[in-house]
Amino acid sequence: MKFLVYSLVLLTLLQSCSQNNVKHDKNLKKYFDENKVEGCFALMDNGTGKFTVHNLGRFRDSSYLPASTFEIVNSLIGLQTGKISSDSMVIKWDGVKRPVEEWNQDLNMYNAFRFSSVYYYQEVARRIGRDTMQLWLDSLRYGSKKINGPVDSFWLTNKLKVTPDEELGLVKRLHFDQLPFFKTYQETVKRAMLVENNANYRLGYKTGWGFLENGHSLGWLVGWIEENNHPYFFVLNIESPDKDYDMETVRIKMVKDMLRYLGFFEGKM
């Protein structure tokens, strides 16, 4: 019964984006054009409930693999079930050399999250197990909720899909400790997401990078920016036909450029 109530509340929150509270900002398109990508961006002002959006159709109606943004959910489930004892829990490196140098070492949860370590979170998913993982995906109503194929890779292989709108909604609920996990675990994940914290603003986000079924490179950046204790939530979803596209650099640059254009980083919002 408890999970049913949570699910109904979360469903209502997911349906908060409509034509009545959306501003289509045509000036945002140039940031996609200059970086030679297709995609969408949305920013939600929590105080007014209004969205500033580029490409509303893609933001609200199109679904994509979550890639490493799923580490938000994976971490929360791991912590809630005790499979991750704390953000300092180390999983030993298996000795397999991987293309991201930071992955080739023993990692704790905090660093694995920051480095988007696939092997760390694959091991966490194996420890959680398929049935428990499925229970939580259903309870969260996360994306398509499908675990097809191995439990340690379904978020990387286009089996599980989520809309940018759903990703933004997840982070918003996390920020306010509204997800069905203990508050301390939500705070742990938020701490791992916080990237910049200074007198003018607080910026937290999670990245994701994967490949679509058509071979295109897909990039995510989802998070929040807070100024004067006023949070705004954002999501960027972009794709390029170039498999070697510099997604790592471009995602963050685009979000910061668009936030700067929208008036952030000066502590005046």
Protein backbone atom coordinates (compact mmCIF):
# COMPACT_ATOMS: atom_id res chain seq x y z
CA MET A 1 0.00 0.00 0.00
CA LYS A 2 2.85 2.37 0.88
CA PHE A 3 4.50 1.83 -2.52
CA LEU A 4 1.13 2.37 -4.26
CA VAL A 5 0.71 5.76 -2.58
CA TYR A 6 4.26 6.76 -3.56
CA SER A 7 3.63 5.66 -7.13
CA LEU A 8 0.45 7.72 -7.44
CA VAL A 9 2.19 10.81 -6.05
CA LEU A 10 5.15 10.38 -8.41
CA LEU A 11 2.85 9.90 -11.40
CA THR A 12 1.12 13.18 -10.59
CA LEU A 13 4.45 14.98 -10.37
CA LEU A 14 5.59 13.57 -13.70
CA GLN A 15 2.56 15.09 -15.40
CA SER A 16 3.40 18.64 -14.29
CA CYS A 17 4.79 19.83 -17.65
CA SER A 18 2.08 21.16 -19.97
CA GLN A 19 1.70 23.78 -22.67
CA ASN A 20 0.36 26.23 -20.08
CA ASN A 21 3.58 26.46 -18.09
CA VAL A 22 6.17 26.10 -20.87
CA LYS A 23 8.19 28.84 -22.52
CA HIS A 24 9.80 27.89 -25.84
CA ASP A 25 13.05 29.87 -25.97
CA LYS A 26 14.16 30.00 -29.61
CA ASN A 27 17.55 31.42 -28.61
CA LEU A 28 18.54 28.09 -27.05
CA LYS A 29 18.71 26.45 -30.49
CA LYS A 30 22.01 28.13 -31.30
CA TYR A 31 23.79 26.16 -28.58
CA PHE A 32 22.75 22.92 -30.28
CA ASP A 33 23.63 24.21 -33.74
CA GLU A 34 27.09 25.45 -32.78
CA ASN A 35 27.90 22.10 -31.19
CA LYS A 36 26.42 20.14 -34.13
CA VAL A 37 24.03 18.06 -32.05
CA GLU A 38 20.31 17.32 -31.93
CA GLY A 39 18.52 17.20 -28.62
CA CYS A 40 16.60 19.07 -25.98
CA PHE A 41 17.10 21.18 -22.89
CA ALA A 42 14.65 22.10 -20.15
CA LEU A 43 14.94 24.25 -17.04
CA MET A 44 12.26 24.25 -14.34
CA ASP A 45 11.87 27.15 -11.94
CA ASN A 46 10.73 25.44 -8.76
CA GLY A 47 9.24 28.65 -7.38
CA THR A 48 6.83 29.17 -10.27
CA GLY A 49 6.60 25.67 -11.75
CA LYS A 50 7.42 27.12 -15.17
CA PHE A 51 9.65 25.42 -17.75
CA THR A 52 12.02 27.02 -20.25
CA VAL A 53 12.45 24.49 -23.05
CA HIS A 54 14.18 23.77 -26.33
CA ASN A 55 12.43 20.96 -28.27
CA LEU A 56 9.42 20.20 -26.08
CA GLY A 57 8.47 17.08 -28.06
CA ARG A 58 11.78 15.39 -27.39
CA PHE A 59 11.80 16.52 -23.75
CA ARG A 60 8.36 15.19 -22.94
CA ASP A 61 7.63 12.36 -25.34
CA SER A 62 10.86 10.66 -26.50
CA SER A 63 12.62 7.93 -24.50
CA TYR A 64 16.31 7.01 -24.40
CA LEU A 65 18.64 4.73 -22.51
CA PRO A 66 19.60 6.44 -19.24
CA ALA A 67 23.26 5.31 -19.39
CA SER A 68 25.13 6.46 -16.26
CA THR A 69 22.33 8.74 -15.08
CA PHE A 70 20.86 5.44 -13.84
CA GLU A 71 23.58 5.47 -11.17
CA ILE A 72 21.30 7.83 -9.23
CA VAL A 73 18.70 5.07 -8.96
CA ASN A 74 21.26 2.26 -8.65
CA SER A 75 22.92 4.07 -5.74
CA LEU A 76 19.64 4.68 -3.92
CA ILE A 77 18.51 1.08 -4.29
CA GLY A 78 21.94 -0.19 -3.28
CA LEU A 79 21.96 1.97 -0.15
CA GLN A 80 18.34 1.18 0.81
CA THR A 81 18.88 -2.58 0.47
CA GLY A 82 22.24 -2.54 2.23
CA LYS A 83 24.18 -3.70 -0.83
CA ILE A 84 26.04 -0.39 -0.57
CA SER A 85 26.89 0.12 3.09
CA SER A 86 27.89 3.78 2.67
CA ASP A 87 29.40 6.08 0.07
CA SER A 88 32.83 4.97 1.30
CA MET A 89 32.19 1.29 0.47
CA VAL A 90 34.98 0.04 -1.78
CA ILE A 91 34.59 -2.48 -4.58
CA LYS A 92 37.94 -3.91 -5.62
CA TRP A 93 39.09 -3.34 -9.17
CA ASP A 94 38.96 -6.60 -11.13
CA GLY A 95 42.21 -5.84 -12.95
CA VAL A 96 40.57 -5.40 -16.36
CA LYS A 97 41.91 -2.29 -18.12
CA ARG A 98 39.09 -0.04 -19.28
CA PRO A 99 39.15 3.07 -21.50
CA VAL A 100 38.50 5.50 -18.61
CA GLU A 101 41.69 5.59 -16.56
CA GLU A 102 39.89 6.58 -13.35
CA TRP A 103 38.01 3.25 -13.44
CA ASN A 104 41.21 1.20 -13.27
CA GLN A 105 41.53 1.23 -9.48
CA ASP A 106 39.65 0.27 -6.34
CA LEU A 107 36.74 2.71 -5.98
CA ASN A 108 34.30 3.69 -3.27
CA MET A 109 30.73 4.68 -4.12
CA TYR A 110 31.37 8.42 -3.99
CA ASN A 111 34.22 8.27 -6.50
CA ALA A 112 32.55 5.62 -8.65
CA PHE A 113 29.54 7.91 -8.96
CA ARG A 114 31.68 10.92 -9.85
CA PHE A 115 33.68 8.91 -12.40
CA SER A 116 30.58 7.11 -13.77
CA SER A 117 32.33 3.79 -13.19
CA VAL A 118 30.42 1.16 -15.13
CA TYR A 119 32.13 -1.82 -13.49
CA TYR A 120 31.34 -0.57 -9.96
CA TYR A 121 27.64 -0.16 -10.67
CA GLN A 122 27.42 -3.40 -12.61
CA GLU A 123 28.65 -5.19 -9.49
CA VAL A 124 26.15 -3.26 -7.35
CA ALA A 125 23.32 -4.32 -9.68
CA ARG A 126 24.39 -7.98 -9.48
CA ARG A 127 24.34 -7.78 -5.69
CA ILE A 128 20.88 -6.15 -5.71
CA GLY A 129 19.53 -8.87 -8.02
CA ARG A 130 16.88 -8.84 -10.72
CA ASP A 131 13.76 -9.26 -8.56
CA THR A 132 14.66 -6.52 -6.10
CA MET A 133 15.77 -4.19 -8.88
CA GLN A 134 12.49 -4.77 -10.72
CA LEU A 135 10.47 -4.09 -7.56
CA TRP A 136 12.10 -0.70 -7.14
CA LEU A 137 11.80 0.26 -10.82
CA ASP A 138 8.09 -0.53 -10.63
CA SER A 139 7.70 1.41 -7.37
CA LEU A 140 9.50 4.44 -8.81
CA ARG A 141 7.69 4.16 -12.16
CA TYR A 142 11.13 4.80 -13.63
CA GLY A 143 10.97 5.06 -17.40
CA SER A 144 9.83 1.93 -19.22
CA LYS A 145 10.61 -0.12 -16.06
CA LYS A 146 11.95 -2.96 -18.21
CA ILE A 147 14.83 -5.23 -17.26
CA ASN A 148 15.55 -7.17 -20.43
CA GLY A 149 18.83 -9.04 -20.64
CA PRO A 150 21.43 -9.16 -17.85
CA VAL A 151 20.68 -7.25 -14.66
CA ASP A 152 24.14 -5.66 -14.82
CA SER A 153 23.69 -3.87 -18.16
CA PHE A 154 20.01 -3.20 -18.97
CA TRP A 155 20.42 0.58 -18.49
CA LEU A 156 23.28 0.63 -21.03
CA THR A 157 21.83 -1.40 -23.91
CA ASN A 158 18.60 0.41 -24.88
CA LYS A 159 16.50 -2.11 -22.92
CA LEU A 160 15.42 0.42 -20.29
CA LYS A 161 14.35 3.84 -21.60
CA VAL A 162 13.40 7.11 -19.92
CA THR A 163 12.24 10.52 -21.12
CA PRO A 164 14.16 13.71 -20.32
CA ASP A 165 11.01 14.90 -18.49
CA GLU A 166 11.15 11.83 -16.23
CA GLU A 167 14.86 12.36 -15.56
CA LEU A 168 14.22 15.97 -14.50
CA GLY A 169 11.32 14.86 -12.30
CA LEU A 170 13.48 12.24 -10.59
CA VAL A 171 16.16 14.77 -9.68
CA LYS A 172 13.58 17.26 -8.46
CA ARG A 173 12.09 14.69 -6.09
CA LEU A 174 15.56 13.65 -4.96
CA HIS A 175 16.46 17.26 -4.16
CA PHE A 176 13.47 17.53 -1.81
CA ASP A 177 13.93 14.03 -0.30
CA GLN A 178 10.60 12.95 -1.83
CA LEU A 179 11.71 9.58 -3.20
CA PRO A 180 10.73 6.38 -1.31
CA PHE A 181 14.18 5.95 0.23
CA PHE A 182 15.52 6.95 3.63
CA LYS A 183 16.40 10.65 3.72
CA THR A 184 19.99 9.92 4.68
CA TYR A 185 20.47 7.90 1.49
CA GLN A 186 18.97 10.63 -0.66
CA GLU A 187 21.35 13.09 1.01
CA THR A 188 24.26 10.75 0.26
CA VAL A 189 23.45 10.72 -3.45
CA LYS A 190 22.93 14.49 -3.56
CA ARG A 191 26.34 14.94 -1.95
CA ALA A 192 27.90 12.86 -4.71
CA MET A 193 26.09 14.96 -7.34
CA LEU A 194 27.21 18.34 -5.95
CA VAL A 195 29.99 19.58 -8.24
CA GLU A 196 30.29 23.32 -7.51
CA ASN A 197 29.45 25.12 -4.28
CA ASN A 198 30.34 28.77 -3.77
CA ALA A 199 28.91 32.08 -2.55
CA ASN A 200 26.91 32.64 -5.76
CA TYR A 201 25.46 29.22 -6.55
CA ARG A 202 25.37 25.47 -5.97
CA LEU A 203 25.52 23.24 -9.03
CA GLY A 204 24.85 19.50 -8.93
CA TYR A 205 24.44 17.06 -11.77
CA LYS A 206 24.89 13.54 -13.11
CA THR A 207 26.25 12.73 -16.53
CA GLY A 208 25.40 9.89 -18.87
CA TRP A 209 26.92 8.69 -22.14
CA GLY A 210 25.82 5.80 -24.31
CA PHE A 211 24.93 4.69 -27.82
CA LEU A 212 21.52 4.55 -29.42
CA GLU A 213 20.23 1.66 -31.51
CA ASN A 214 21.05 3.67 -34.65
CA GLY A 215 24.68 3.97 -33.52
CA HIS A 216 24.46 7.64 -32.55
CA SER A 217 26.29 8.84 -29.47
CA LEU A 218 23.91 10.00 -26.71
CA GLY A 219 24.76 12.38 -23.90
CA TRP A 220 22.89 13.34 -20.72
CA LEU A 221 23.35 15.98 -18.05
CA VAL A 222 20.63 16.21 -15.38
CA GLY A 223 20.72 18.16 -12.15
CA TRP A 224 20.00 21.44 -10.41
CA ILE A 225 21.38 24.92 -9.86
CA GLU A 226 20.54 26.81 -6.69
CA GLU A 227 20.92 30.54 -6.10
CA ASN A 228 19.74 32.39 -2.99
CA ASN A 229 18.23 29.10 -1.74
CA HIS A 230 16.06 28.97 -4.86
CA PRO A 231 16.47 25.70 -6.82
CA TYR A 232 16.06 25.27 -10.56
CA PHE A 233 16.15 21.83 -12.19
CA PHE A 234 17.51 21.08 -15.64
CA VAL A 235 18.10 18.28 -18.11
CA LEU A 236 20.15 18.16 -21.30
CA ASN A 237 19.76 15.31 -23.80
CA ILE A 238 21.86 15.40 -26.97
CA GLU A 239 22.92 13.05 -29.73
CA SER A 240 25.49 13.03 -32.51
CA PRO A 241 26.05 10.59 -35.41
CA ASP A 242 29.77 10.79 -34.58
CA LYS A 243 30.65 7.82 -32.35
CA ASP A 244 33.81 9.63 -31.24
CA TYR A 245 32.03 12.88 -30.40
CA ASP A 246 33.56 14.70 -27.41
CA MET A 247 30.47 14.19 -25.28
CA GLU A 248 32.38 14.51 -22.00
CA THR A 249 33.34 18.13 -22.70
CA VAL A 250 30.35 19.33 -24.72
CA ARG A 251 27.60 18.30 -22.29
CA ILE A 252 28.91 20.44 -19.45
CA LYS A 253 29.89 23.34 -21.71
CA MET A 254 26.43 23.48 -23.28
CA VAL A 255 24.61 23.46 -19.96
CA LYS A 256 26.85 26.15 -18.49
CA ASP A 257 26.54 28.30 -21.62
CA MET A 258 22.75 28.05 -21.57
CA LEU A 259 22.50 28.68 -17.83
CA ARG A 260 24.74 31.71 -18.22
CA TYR A 261 22.53 33.00 -21.04
CA LEU A 262 19.51 32.52 -18.75
CA GLY A 263 21.13 34.68 -16.05
CA PHE A 264 22.78 32.21 -13.69
CA PHE A 265 26.19 32.09 -11.96
CA GLU A 266 26.02 35.67 -10.62
CA GLY A 267 23.99 34.93 -7.50
CA LYS A 268 21.15 37.14 -8.72
CA MET A 269 18.45 34.59 -9.56
